[in-house]
Amino acid sequence: MLKLTRRTLAGLIAGAGLLAATGLSAAELTELKIGYQKTNLPVIARQQQVIEKALPKGVTVKWVEFSAGPPLVEALNAGSVDLGWTGDAPPIFGQAAGAAIVYVAALPSNGAGEAIFVKPESSVKSVAELKGKKVGVGKGTSAHNLLVAALEKAGLTLSDITPVYLAPPDAAAAFASDKIDAWAVWDPFFAVAETRYKPRVLATTDKTLDVKTYFLGNRDFVAAHPDTVKLTIAALGEAAKWADTHRDQVAQALHDVTGVPLEAQTLAANRSQFGIEPITPQIIATQQQTADRFFKLGLLPRQIVVKDAVWSQAGL
């Protein structure tokens, strides 16, 4: 993980102040727009206001919530947000579609907080038994990757099931009304389902895949404001350190920002990992494997080279 001290953060802040004084790119920025979801490190950062405190005076932060990664990537491409956090699959689909995005940092995977599950009364007891069943999942999401990989491990493919592509709120309704047989999703939606249904879990990301989640940026924004990006990454590192040393307060912090019931956010918090790190060649190689998997399935319009979308300073 990226080792960030308060001295490092202070140095970055001072550097940004110098940029502002000399009239460089930091002075041109008055608002930083960050896309986030209902869980993970950006939520903690918002609650702690570490990014707001790290940025030069006069730069405000606008937080924009998304239900899933794909619409967040669309917003990054359009410039509606400048930076944002998603799972592993959304940037792959975005890059294949020509989105103006870059990877700027890596974070831990959704791990045990992302799963494929059925209701306890279901006759399905394994991933292999999903054959012929309807499975709700967000297209192009990290849960989509989990579903594909779990099916492969069970000797099946997507063609052996009926994927029902739904955003998490719609999938929740479909799962509640038994319009789908199983659901693949991440926290806090998984945690909410656990509190309501006590579902049978068929697979989780931590036992199926070796992946990361990612902090992404609009390509033009990152090129124009590299120091703002570095300050934001450093501040996220501060938020990660706070989360690791205040585990008893993480669930409350997540609840305060998202409004998701505290019981569900407690489940999510207890199995979450917090951190932020540079993007290494190994991380790129793993992400490339995911991209190749989706391309072979015919889910991408073209084959991509992941490293082409990695910010030149993301490995620092």
Protein backbone atom coordinates (compact mmCIF):
# COMPACT_ATOMS: atom_id res chain seq x y z
CA MET A 1 0.00 0.00 0.00
CA LEU A 2 1.05 3.60 -0.52
CA LYS A 3 2.78 4.84 2.61
CA LEU A 4 1.64 8.38 3.27
CA THR A 5 2.74 10.44 6.24
CA ARG A 6 1.35 13.73 7.40
CA ARG A 7 4.65 15.30 6.36
CA THR A 8 4.16 13.92 2.83
CA LEU A 9 0.63 15.29 2.70
CA ALA A 10 1.80 18.65 4.02
CA GLY A 11 4.49 18.75 1.33
CA LEU A 12 1.96 18.05 -1.39
CA ILE A 13 -0.33 20.76 -0.04
CA ALA A 14 2.58 23.22 0.02
CA GLY A 15 3.42 22.29 -3.56
CA ALA A 16 -0.12 22.95 -4.65
CA GLY A 17 -0.01 26.31 -2.89
CA LEU A 18 3.13 27.18 -4.83
CA LEU A 19 1.39 26.27 -8.07
CA ALA A 20 -1.51 28.54 -7.16
CA ALA A 21 0.89 31.38 -6.37
CA THR A 22 2.68 31.01 -9.71
CA GLY A 23 -0.52 30.93 -11.73
CA LEU A 24 -0.23 27.33 -12.92
CA SER A 25 -3.00 24.77 -13.39
CA ALA A 26 -4.05 24.55 -9.71
CA ALA A 27 -5.08 28.22 -9.79
CA GLU A 28 -7.51 27.55 -12.62
CA LEU A 29 -9.46 24.97 -10.63
CA THR A 30 -12.29 26.15 -8.39
CA GLU A 31 -14.28 22.90 -8.03
CA LEU A 32 -13.26 19.26 -7.97
CA LYS A 33 -16.09 16.87 -8.85
CA ILE A 34 -15.72 13.37 -7.38
CA GLY A 35 -17.97 10.42 -8.22
CA TYR A 36 -18.55 7.86 -5.48
CA GLN A 37 -20.78 4.91 -4.65
CA LYS A 38 -22.43 3.82 -1.43
CA THR A 39 -19.36 2.16 0.03
CA ASN A 40 -15.58 2.07 0.30
CA LEU A 41 -12.84 4.64 0.74
CA PRO A 42 -14.31 7.68 -1.07
CA VAL A 43 -17.27 7.59 1.34
CA ILE A 44 -14.88 7.67 4.29
CA ALA A 45 -12.93 10.49 2.67
CA ARG A 46 -16.12 12.49 2.23
CA GLN A 47 -17.17 11.93 5.82
CA GLN A 48 -13.72 12.93 7.11
CA GLN A 49 -13.42 15.84 4.62
CA VAL A 50 -9.75 14.99 4.09
CA ILE A 51 -9.78 15.98 0.42
CA GLU A 52 -11.41 19.32 1.17
CA LYS A 53 -8.71 20.01 3.77
CA ALA A 54 -5.89 18.98 1.43
CA LEU A 55 -6.82 21.10 -1.57
CA PRO A 56 -5.62 24.69 -1.98
CA LYS A 57 -7.81 27.46 -0.63
CA GLY A 58 -10.59 28.36 -3.03
CA VAL A 59 -11.06 24.85 -4.43
CA THR A 60 -14.29 23.19 -3.33
CA VAL A 61 -15.33 19.55 -3.69
CA LYS A 62 -18.61 18.44 -5.22
CA TRP A 63 -19.56 14.84 -4.40
CA VAL A 64 -21.76 13.03 -6.93
CA GLU A 65 -23.29 9.66 -5.98
CA PHE A 66 -23.75 6.80 -8.46
CA SER A 67 -25.49 3.44 -8.01
CA ALA A 68 -22.80 1.59 -9.97
CA GLY A 69 -19.52 2.00 -11.85
CA PRO A 70 -20.71 2.11 -15.49
CA PRO A 71 -22.72 5.35 -15.15
CA LEU A 72 -19.83 6.84 -13.19
CA VAL A 73 -17.48 6.05 -16.07
CA GLU A 74 -19.96 7.67 -18.47
CA ALA A 75 -19.91 10.78 -16.30
CA LEU A 76 -16.10 10.80 -16.28
CA ASN A 77 -16.09 10.56 -20.06
CA ALA A 78 -18.51 13.47 -20.35
CA GLY A 79 -16.58 15.56 -17.83
CA SER A 80 -19.53 15.65 -15.44
CA VAL A 81 -17.15 14.38 -12.76
CA ASP A 82 -13.37 14.69 -12.67
CA LEU A 83 -12.38 11.69 -10.54
CA GLY A 84 -14.21 8.63 -9.25
CA TRP A 85 -14.01 5.11 -7.84
CA THR A 86 -15.26 1.95 -9.55
CA GLY A 87 -14.70 -1.78 -9.63
CA ASP A 88 -12.46 -3.56 -12.11
CA ALA A 89 -14.84 -4.01 -15.06
CA PRO A 90 -16.30 -0.50 -15.65
CA PRO A 91 -13.05 1.07 -16.90
CA ILE A 92 -12.55 -1.87 -19.26
CA PHE A 93 -15.95 -1.37 -20.85
CA GLY A 94 -15.34 2.38 -20.85
CA GLN A 95 -11.98 2.09 -22.59
CA ALA A 96 -13.45 -0.28 -25.18
CA ALA A 97 -16.12 2.31 -25.91
CA GLY A 98 -13.54 5.06 -26.33
CA ALA A 99 -14.20 6.84 -23.03
CA ALA A 100 -11.76 9.61 -22.10
CA ILE A 101 -10.66 7.99 -18.83
CA VAL A 102 -7.39 7.04 -17.17
CA TYR A 103 -6.49 4.86 -14.20
CA VAL A 104 -4.80 6.96 -11.51
CA ALA A 105 -4.57 4.58 -8.52
CA ALA A 106 -5.57 1.11 -7.33
CA LEU A 107 -7.56 0.12 -4.25
CA PRO A 108 -8.34 -3.28 -2.69
CA SER A 109 -10.96 -5.45 -4.37
CA ASN A 110 -14.52 -5.74 -3.13
CA GLY A 111 -13.41 -9.09 -1.73
CA ALA A 112 -15.86 -10.81 0.58
CA GLY A 113 -18.22 -7.89 0.07
CA GLU A 114 -19.17 -8.96 -3.45
CA ALA A 115 -21.09 -12.17 -4.05
CA ILE A 116 -23.45 -14.31 -6.06
CA PHE A 117 -26.31 -15.49 -3.87
CA VAL A 118 -29.81 -16.97 -3.81
CA LYS A 119 -32.61 -16.91 -1.30
CA PRO A 120 -32.33 -19.55 1.43
CA GLU A 121 -35.34 -21.50 0.13
CA SER A 122 -33.83 -21.80 -3.37
CA SER A 123 -32.99 -25.26 -4.68
CA VAL A 124 -29.71 -23.87 -6.07
CA LYS A 125 -26.81 -24.83 -3.83
CA SER A 126 -23.80 -24.16 -6.07
CA VAL A 127 -22.72 -22.04 -9.02
CA ALA A 128 -22.97 -25.12 -11.24
CA GLU A 129 -26.66 -25.34 -10.40
CA LEU A 130 -27.27 -21.88 -11.85
CA LYS A 131 -27.48 -23.54 -15.28
CA GLY A 132 -30.74 -22.46 -16.90
CA LYS A 133 -31.40 -19.87 -14.17
CA LYS A 134 -31.91 -16.11 -14.35
CA VAL A 135 -29.13 -14.16 -12.66
CA GLY A 136 -29.40 -10.45 -12.03
CA VAL A 137 -26.20 -8.46 -12.52
CA GLY A 138 -25.10 -5.03 -13.65
CA LYS A 139 -23.59 -5.21 -17.12
CA GLY A 140 -19.98 -4.10 -17.15
CA THR A 141 -19.69 -4.09 -13.36
CA SER A 142 -17.23 -5.88 -11.10
CA ALA A 143 -20.03 -8.30 -10.19
CA HIS A 144 -20.32 -9.12 -13.89
CA ASN A 145 -16.68 -10.18 -13.83
CA LEU A 146 -17.30 -12.27 -10.70
CA LEU A 147 -20.25 -13.98 -12.38
CA VAL A 148 -18.28 -14.81 -15.52
CA ALA A 149 -15.26 -16.10 -13.58
CA ALA A 150 -17.38 -18.15 -11.15
CA LEU A 151 -19.25 -19.77 -14.03
CA GLU A 152 -15.97 -20.64 -15.73
CA LYS A 153 -14.69 -22.30 -12.56
CA ALA A 154 -17.89 -24.34 -12.43
CA GLY A 155 -17.48 -25.43 -16.05
CA LEU A 156 -20.21 -23.13 -17.37
CA THR A 157 -20.39 -20.00 -19.52
CA LEU A 158 -22.74 -17.04 -19.67
CA SER A 159 -24.69 -18.88 -22.38
CA ASP A 160 -25.60 -21.54 -19.79
CA ILE A 161 -27.57 -19.01 -17.74
CA THR A 162 -29.87 -16.11 -18.53
CA PRO A 163 -28.11 -12.93 -17.40
CA VAL A 164 -30.61 -10.23 -16.53
CA TYR A 165 -28.78 -6.91 -16.76
CA LEU A 166 -30.10 -4.60 -14.07
CA ALA A 167 -28.76 -1.70 -12.00
CA PRO A 168 -28.57 -2.61 -8.29
CA PRO A 169 -31.82 -0.89 -7.21
CA ASP A 170 -33.75 -2.62 -10.00
CA ALA A 171 -32.07 -5.94 -9.30
CA ALA A 172 -33.02 -5.61 -5.64
CA ALA A 173 -36.68 -5.30 -6.63
CA ALA A 174 -36.39 -8.23 -9.04
CA PHE A 175 -34.74 -10.38 -6.37
CA ALA A 176 -37.41 -9.48 -3.83
CA SER A 177 -40.21 -10.46 -6.23
CA ASP A 178 -38.46 -13.66 -7.43
CA LYS A 179 -38.16 -12.39 -11.00
CA ILE A 180 -34.53 -13.51 -10.89
CA ASP A 181 -33.19 -16.68 -9.32
CA ALA A 182 -29.87 -15.28 -8.16
CA TRP A 183 -28.16 -11.94 -7.80
CA ALA A 184 -24.52 -10.91 -8.24
CA VAL A 185 -23.71 -7.61 -6.53
CA TRP A 186 -21.38 -5.80 -4.14
CA ASP A 187 -21.76 -4.07 -0.79
CA PRO A 188 -23.79 -2.40 0.56
CA PHE A 189 -26.44 -4.00 -1.68
CA PHE A 190 -25.14 -7.46 -0.78
CA ALA A 191 -25.13 -6.54 2.91
CA VAL A 192 -28.69 -5.21 2.72
CA ALA A 193 -29.79 -8.47 1.09
CA GLU A 194 -28.06 -10.40 3.86
CA THR A 195 -29.97 -8.56 6.56
CA ARG A 196 -33.29 -9.07 4.77
CA TYR A 197 -33.07 -12.60 3.41
CA LYS A 198 -30.16 -14.46 5.04
CA PRO A 199 -29.26 -15.68 1.51
CA ARG A 200 -27.21 -18.68 0.49
CA VAL A 201 -23.90 -17.40 -0.85
CA LEU A 202 -22.60 -19.31 -3.88
CA ALA A 203 -19.39 -17.39 -4.60
CA THR A 204 -17.50 -14.30 -3.47
CA THR A 205 -14.86 -12.25 -5.24
CA ASP A 206 -12.15 -12.92 -2.67
CA LYS A 207 -12.42 -16.67 -3.28
CA THR A 208 -12.80 -16.41 -7.06
CA LEU A 209 -10.68 -13.58 -8.44
CA ASP A 210 -7.47 -11.67 -7.81
CA VAL A 211 -8.53 -8.17 -8.81
CA LYS A 212 -8.43 -4.56 -7.67
CA THR A 213 -10.83 -1.64 -7.69
CA TYR A 214 -9.73 1.67 -9.18
CA PHE A 215 -9.66 5.40 -8.79
CA LEU A 216 -10.16 6.86 -12.25
CA GLY A 217 -9.95 10.29 -13.79
CA ASN A 218 -11.21 12.17 -16.80
CA ARG A 219 -8.22 12.10 -19.15
CA ASP A 220 -8.18 15.83 -19.90
CA PHE A 221 -8.71 16.79 -16.27
CA VAL A 222 -5.82 14.61 -15.08
CA ALA A 223 -3.52 16.04 -17.75
CA ALA A 224 -4.43 19.60 -16.76
CA HIS A 225 -4.39 19.11 -12.97
CA PRO A 226 -1.86 16.42 -12.04
CA ASP A 227 -1.05 18.00 -8.68
CA THR A 228 -4.71 18.07 -7.71
CA VAL A 229 -4.90 14.36 -8.53
CA LYS A 230 -1.82 13.65 -6.39
CA LEU A 231 -3.26 15.64 -3.49
CA THR A 232 -6.50 13.70 -3.76
CA ILE A 233 -4.71 10.35 -3.77
CA ALA A 234 -2.65 11.40 -0.75
CA ALA A 235 -5.81 12.46 1.07
CA LEU A 236 -7.45 9.12 0.28
CA GLY A 237 -4.42 7.52 1.89
CA GLU A 238 -5.10 9.56 5.02
CA ALA A 239 -8.73 8.39 4.99
CA ALA A 240 -7.57 4.78 4.65
CA LYS A 241 -5.31 5.12 7.69
CA TRP A 242 -8.18 6.60 9.68
CA ALA A 243 -10.50 3.75 8.66
CA ASP A 244 -7.98 1.08 9.64
CA THR A 245 -7.43 2.62 13.08
CA HIS A 246 -11.10 3.46 13.74
CA ARG A 247 -12.83 0.27 12.66
CA ASP A 248 -15.50 0.78 15.29
CA GLN A 249 -16.50 4.07 13.63
CA VAL A 250 -16.33 3.05 9.95
CA ALA A 251 -19.87 1.66 9.73
CA GLN A 252 -21.32 4.81 11.29
CA ALA A 253 -19.33 6.96 8.88
CA LEU A 254 -20.62 4.96 5.90
CA HIS A 255 -24.18 5.17 7.24
CA ASP A 256 -23.94 8.93 7.83
CA VAL A 257 -22.98 9.62 4.21
CA THR A 258 -25.09 7.06 2.35
CA GLY A 259 -28.19 6.58 4.49
CA VAL A 260 -27.87 2.79 4.10
CA PRO A 261 -29.10 1.10 7.32
CA LEU A 262 -26.39 0.86 9.96
CA GLU A 263 -26.81 -2.91 10.31
CA ALA A 264 -25.96 -3.41 6.63
CA GLN A 265 -23.09 -0.94 6.67
CA THR A 266 -21.67 -2.71 9.73
CA LEU A 267 -21.56 -5.95 7.74
CA ALA A 268 -19.93 -4.13 4.85
CA ALA A 269 -17.41 -2.30 7.02
CA ASN A 270 -16.30 -5.41 8.88
CA ARG A 271 -15.21 -7.14 5.67
CA SER A 272 -13.85 -4.11 3.83
CA GLN A 273 -10.19 -3.40 3.17
CA PHE A 274 -9.04 0.19 2.98
CA GLY A 275 -5.98 1.43 1.16
CA ILE A 276 -4.70 3.03 -2.01
CA GLU A 277 -1.61 2.11 -4.00
CA PRO A 278 0.28 2.80 -7.21
CA ILE A 279 -0.63 0.83 -10.31
CA THR A 280 2.08 -1.76 -10.92
CA PRO A 281 2.81 -3.86 -14.02
CA GLN A 282 1.30 -6.85 -12.20
CA ILE A 283 -1.93 -4.97 -11.55
CA ILE A 284 -2.07 -3.95 -15.21
CA ALA A 285 -1.48 -7.55 -16.28
CA THR A 286 -4.32 -8.80 -14.09
CA GLN A 287 -6.65 -6.14 -15.43
CA GLN A 288 -5.64 -7.11 -18.97
CA GLN A 289 -6.69 -10.70 -18.25
CA THR A 290 -10.12 -9.42 -17.24
CA ALA A 291 -10.37 -7.34 -20.42
CA ASP A 292 -9.38 -10.33 -22.54
CA ARG A 293 -12.02 -12.47 -20.82
CA PHE A 294 -14.79 -10.03 -21.68
CA PHE A 295 -13.55 -9.66 -25.26
CA LYS A 296 -13.53 -13.43 -25.83
CA LEU A 297 -17.12 -13.54 -24.61
CA GLY A 298 -18.09 -10.98 -27.23
CA LEU A 299 -19.06 -8.41 -24.61
CA LEU A 300 -16.58 -5.75 -25.77
CA PRO A 301 -16.77 -4.02 -29.17
CA ARG A 302 -12.99 -4.27 -29.58
CA GLN A 303 -9.92 -5.64 -27.89
CA ILE A 304 -8.09 -3.15 -25.69
CA VAL A 305 -4.65 -2.65 -24.18
CA VAL A 306 -5.23 -1.65 -20.56
CA LYS A 307 -1.86 0.05 -20.09
CA ASP A 308 -2.84 2.57 -22.79
CA ALA A 309 -5.38 3.98 -20.33
CA VAL A 310 -3.05 4.14 -17.31
CA TRP A 311 -1.95 7.62 -16.23
CA SER A 312 1.79 8.05 -16.72
CA GLN A 313 2.21 8.98 -13.04
CA ALA A 314 -0.06 6.27 -11.62
CA GLY A 315 2.91 4.06 -10.77
CA LEU A 316 4.73 6.68 -8.71
